[in-house]
Amino acid sequence: MTILEVGKKAPQFELPNQDEENKTLDDYNGKWLVAYFILEMTLQDVL
C-alpha cells in the first residue's frame, strides 16, 4: 500500500461511480474533488 504525503499529487486510478461508470482523476481535471476512502475491517481482520 502506498501512503500519500500531504500536498502531493494522487496517483492515477479508476473507480466506478454511483452510476457504475468508471471514472479517473482526469475526468475531474480543473474541478474540485473530495475523495473519501473507507477501509472496511472486521474484528477478525485485526486479530
PDB file of N, CA and C in Angstrom:
ATOM      1  N   MET A   1       0.839  -1.164   0.000  1.00  0.00           N
ATOM      2  CA  MET A   1       0.000   0.000   0.000  1.00  0.00           C
ATOM      3  C   MET A   1       0.892   1.237   0.000  1.00  0.00           C
ATOM      4  N   THR A   2       0.520   2.214  -0.798  1.00  0.00           N
ATOM      5  CA  THR A   2       1.262   3.461  -0.861  1.00  0.00           C
ATOM      6  C   THR A   2       0.608   4.494   0.045  1.00  0.00           C
ATOM      7  N   ILE A   3       1.407   5.135   0.860  1.00  0.00           N
ATOM      8  CA  ILE A   3       0.897   6.204   1.717  1.00  0.00           C
ATOM      9  C   ILE A   3       1.256   7.526   1.057  1.00  0.00           C
ATOM     10  N   LEU A   4       0.252   8.358   0.834  1.00  0.00           N
ATOM     11  CA  LEU A   4       0.471   9.642   0.184  1.00  0.00           C
ATOM     12  C   LEU A   4       0.898  10.689   1.195  1.00  0.00           C
ATOM     13  N   GLU A   5       1.754  11.598   0.738  1.00  0.00           N
ATOM     14  CA  GLU A   5       2.154  12.717   1.577  1.00  0.00           C
ATOM     15  C   GLU A   5       1.207  13.882   1.327  1.00  0.00           C
ATOM     16  N   VAL A   6       0.925  14.640   2.372  1.00  0.00           N
ATOM     17  CA  VAL A   6       0.060  15.809   2.243  1.00  0.00           C
ATOM     18  C   VAL A   6       0.668  16.768   1.227  1.00  0.00           C
ATOM     19  N   GLY A   7      -0.151  17.241   0.305  1.00  0.00           N
ATOM     20  CA  GLY A   7       0.300  18.203  -0.699  1.00  0.00           C
ATOM     21  C   GLY A   7       0.823  17.581  -1.971  1.00  0.00           C
ATOM     22  N   LYS A   8       1.002  16.261  -1.994  1.00  0.00           N
ATOM     23  CA  LYS A   8       1.486  15.572  -3.193  1.00  0.00           C
ATOM     24  C   LYS A   8       0.310  15.183  -4.075  1.00  0.00           C
ATOM     25  N   LYS A   9       0.566  15.060  -5.377  1.00  0.00           N
ATOM     26  CA  LYS A   9      -0.480  14.639  -6.302  1.00  0.00           C
ATOM     27  C   LYS A   9      -0.803  13.168  -6.096  1.00  0.00           C
ATOM     28  N   ALA A  10      -2.072  12.852  -6.245  1.00  0.00           N
ATOM     29  CA  ALA A  10      -2.519  11.458  -6.128  1.00  0.00           C
ATOM     30  C   ALA A  10      -2.140  10.695  -7.390  1.00  0.00           C
ATOM     31  N   PRO A  11      -1.828   9.410  -7.266  1.00  0.00           N
ATOM     32  CA  PRO A  11      -1.542   8.605  -8.455  1.00  0.00           C
ATOM     33  C   PRO A  11      -2.830   8.374  -9.244  1.00  0.00           C
ATOM     34  N   GLN A  12      -2.691   8.090 -10.521  1.00  0.00           N
ATOM     35  CA  GLN A  12      -3.859   7.810 -11.356  1.00  0.00           C
ATOM     36  C   GLN A  12      -4.529   6.517 -10.899  1.00  0.00           C
ATOM     37  N   PHE A  13      -5.846   6.523 -10.888  1.00  0.00           N
ATOM     38  CA  PHE A  13      -6.609   5.318 -10.580  1.00  0.00           C
ATOM     39  C   PHE A  13      -7.978   5.442 -11.225  1.00  0.00           C
ATOM     40  N   GLU A  14      -8.685   4.340 -11.296  1.00  0.00           N
ATOM     41  CA  GLU A  14     -10.012   4.305 -11.901  1.00  0.00           C
ATOM     42  C   GLU A  14     -10.959   3.564 -10.967  1.00  0.00           C
ATOM     43  N   LEU A  15     -12.119   4.169 -10.723  1.00  0.00           N
ATOM     44  CA  LEU A  15     -13.127   3.575  -9.845  1.00  0.00           C
ATOM     45  C   LEU A  15     -14.513   3.810 -10.431  1.00  0.00           C
ATOM     46  N   PRO A  16     -15.463   2.906 -10.150  1.00  0.00           N
ATOM     47  CA  PRO A  16     -16.831   3.138 -10.627  1.00  0.00           C
ATOM     48  C   PRO A  16     -17.538   4.176  -9.747  1.00  0.00           C
ATOM     49  N   ASN A  17     -18.397   4.989 -10.390  1.00  0.00           N
ATOM     50  CA  ASN A  17     -19.201   5.943  -9.630  1.00  0.00           C
ATOM     51  C   ASN A  17     -20.551   5.329  -9.288  1.00  0.00           C
ATOM     52  N   GLN A  18     -21.451   6.137  -8.760  1.00  0.00           N
ATOM     53  CA  GLN A  18     -22.755   5.634  -8.336  1.00  0.00           C
ATOM     54  C   GLN A  18     -23.597   5.114  -9.500  1.00  0.00           C
ATOM     55  N   ASP A  19     -23.238   5.490 -10.738  1.00  0.00           N
ATOM     56  CA  ASP A  19     -23.958   5.022 -11.928  1.00  0.00           C
ATOM     57  C   ASP A  19     -23.228   3.876 -12.629  1.00  0.00           C
ATOM     58  N   GLU A  20     -22.238   3.293 -11.929  1.00  0.00           N
ATOM     59  CA  GLU A  20     -21.439   2.179 -12.459  1.00  0.00           C
ATOM     60  C   GLU A  20     -20.593   2.579 -13.670  1.00  0.00           C
ATOM     61  N   GLU A  21     -20.297   3.894 -13.815  1.00  0.00           N
ATOM     62  CA  GLU A  21     -19.414   4.375 -14.875  1.00  0.00           C
ATOM     63  C   GLU A  21     -18.017   4.524 -14.285  1.00  0.00           C
ATOM     64  N   ASN A  22     -17.009   3.991 -14.962  1.00  0.00           N
ATOM     65  CA  ASN A  22     -15.643   4.126 -14.471  1.00  0.00           C
ATOM     66  C   ASN A  22     -15.166   5.557 -14.662  1.00  0.00           C
ATOM     67  N   LYS A  23     -14.586   6.115 -13.620  1.00  0.00           N
ATOM     68  CA  LYS A  23     -14.074   7.482 -13.634  1.00  0.00           C
ATOM     69  C   LYS A  23     -12.615   7.479 -13.207  1.00  0.00           C
ATOM     70  N   THR A  24     -11.844   8.407 -13.766  1.00  0.00           N
ATOM     71  CA  THR A  24     -10.445   8.588 -13.389  1.00  0.00           C
ATOM     72  C   THR A  24     -10.273  10.000 -12.843  1.00  0.00           C
ATOM     73  N   LEU A  25      -9.120  10.285 -12.294  1.00  0.00           N
ATOM     74  CA  LEU A  25      -8.851  11.636 -11.812  1.00  0.00           C
ATOM     75  C   LEU A  25      -8.910  12.647 -12.950  1.00  0.00           C
ATOM     76  N   ASP A  26      -8.507  12.237 -14.149  1.00  0.00           N
ATOM     77  CA  ASP A  26      -8.537  13.143 -15.296  1.00  0.00           C
ATOM     78  C   ASP A  26      -9.951  13.617 -15.617  1.00  0.00           C
ATOM     79  N   ASP A  27     -10.964  12.820 -15.286  1.00  0.00           N
ATOM     80  CA  ASP A  27     -12.354  13.223 -15.526  1.00  0.00           C
ATOM     81  C   ASP A  27     -12.732  14.453 -14.697  1.00  0.00           C
ATOM     82  N   TYR A  28     -11.979  14.720 -13.646  1.00  0.00           N
ATOM     83  CA  TYR A  28     -12.282  15.837 -12.753  1.00  0.00           C
ATOM     84  C   TYR A  28     -11.227  16.937 -12.838  1.00  0.00           C
ATOM     85  N   ASN A  29     -10.401  16.895 -13.869  1.00  0.00           N
ATOM     86  CA  ASN A  29      -9.339  17.883 -14.046  1.00  0.00           C
ATOM     87  C   ASN A  29      -9.935  19.293 -14.094  1.00  0.00           C
ATOM     88  N   GLY A  30      -9.417  20.195 -13.268  1.00  0.00           N
ATOM     89  CA  GLY A  30      -9.899  21.567 -13.224  1.00  0.00           C
ATOM     90  C   GLY A  30     -11.124  21.764 -12.350  1.00  0.00           C
ATOM     91  N   LYS A  31     -11.592  20.694 -11.702  1.00  0.00           N
ATOM     92  CA  LYS A  31     -12.763  20.766 -10.830  1.00  0.00           C
ATOM     93  C   LYS A  31     -12.344  20.390  -9.415  1.00  0.00           C
ATOM     94  N   TRP A  32     -13.120  20.830  -8.453  1.00  0.00           N
ATOM     95  CA  TRP A  32     -12.889  20.425  -7.072  1.00  0.00           C
ATOM     96  C   TRP A  32     -13.325  18.979  -6.909  1.00  0.00           C
ATOM     97  N   LEU A  33     -12.541  18.210  -6.189  1.00  0.00           N
ATOM     98  CA  LEU A  33     -12.860  16.802  -5.956  1.00  0.00           C
ATOM     99  C   LEU A  33     -12.458  16.432  -4.536  1.00  0.00           C
ATOM    100  N   VAL A  34     -13.375  15.844  -3.821  1.00  0.00           N
ATOM    101  CA  VAL A  34     -13.080  15.305  -2.495  1.00  0.00           C
ATOM    102  C   VAL A  34     -13.201  13.796  -2.602  1.00  0.00           C
ATOM    103  N   ALA A  35     -12.114  13.097  -2.371  1.00  0.00           N
ATOM    104  CA  ALA A  35     -12.111  11.628  -2.415  1.00  0.00           C
ATOM    105  C   ALA A  35     -12.030  11.127  -0.974  1.00  0.00           C
ATOM    106  N   TYR A  36     -12.976  10.314  -0.607  1.00  0.00           N
ATOM    107  CA  TYR A  36     -13.051   9.799   0.758  1.00  0.00           C
ATOM    108  C   TYR A  36     -13.047   8.283   0.677  1.00  0.00           C
ATOM    109  N   PHE A  37     -12.051   7.663   1.251  1.00  0.00           N
ATOM    110  CA  PHE A  37     -11.918   6.214   1.206  1.00  0.00           C
ATOM    111  C   PHE A  37     -12.199   5.640   2.587  1.00  0.00           C
ATOM    112  N   ILE A  38     -13.018   4.614   2.622  1.00  0.00           N
ATOM    113  CA  ILE A  38     -13.365   3.962   3.880  1.00  0.00           C
ATOM    114  C   ILE A  38     -12.767   2.561   3.871  1.00  0.00           C
ATOM    115  N   LEU A  39     -11.966   2.265   4.860  1.00  0.00           N
ATOM    116  CA  LEU A  39     -11.374   0.945   4.992  1.00  0.00           C
ATOM    117  C   LEU A  39     -12.343   0.068   5.770  1.00  0.00           C
ATOM    118  N   GLU A  40     -12.805  -0.993   5.138  1.00  0.00           N
ATOM    119  CA  GLU A  40     -13.710  -1.911   5.820  1.00  0.00           C
ATOM    120  C   GLU A  40     -12.901  -2.991   6.512  1.00  0.00           C
ATOM    121  N   MET A  41     -13.045  -3.059   7.808  1.00  0.00           N
ATOM    122  CA  MET A  41     -12.346  -4.083   8.578  1.00  0.00           C
ATOM    123  C   MET A  41     -13.298  -4.651   9.610  1.00  0.00           C
ATOM    124  N   THR A  42     -13.086  -5.890   9.916  1.00  0.00           N
ATOM    125  CA  THR A  42     -13.834  -6.522  10.997  1.00  0.00           C
ATOM    126  C   THR A  42     -12.861  -6.837  12.118  1.00  0.00           C
ATOM    127  N   LEU A  43     -13.370  -7.202  13.251  1.00  0.00           N
ATOM    128  CA  LEU A  43     -12.508  -7.580  14.366  1.00  0.00           C
ATOM    129  C   LEU A  43     -11.618  -8.750  13.968  1.00  0.00           C
ATOM    130  N   GLN A  44     -12.148  -9.649  13.150  1.00  0.00           N
ATOM    131  CA  GLN A  44     -11.384 -10.809  12.678  1.00  0.00           C
ATOM    132  C   GLN A  44     -10.142 -10.367  11.890  1.00  0.00           C
ATOM    133  N   ASP A  45     -10.277  -9.300  11.080  1.00  0.00           N
ATOM    134  CA  ASP A  45      -9.154  -8.792  10.293  1.00  0.00           C
ATOM    135  C   ASP A  45      -8.040  -8.255  11.178  1.00  0.00           C
ATOM    136  N   VAL A  46      -8.402  -7.698  12.307  1.00  0.00           N
ATOM    137  CA  VAL A  46      -7.435  -7.067  13.199  1.00  0.00           C
ATOM    138  C   VAL A  46      -6.676  -8.093  14.028  1.00  0.00           C
ATOM    139  N   LEU A  47      -7.357  -9.166  14.404  1.00  0.00           N
ATOM    140  CA  LEU A  47      -6.734 -10.165  15.285  1.00  0.00           C
ATOM    141  C   LEU A  47      -5.828 -11.106  14.560  1.00  0.00           C
TER     142      LEU A  47
END
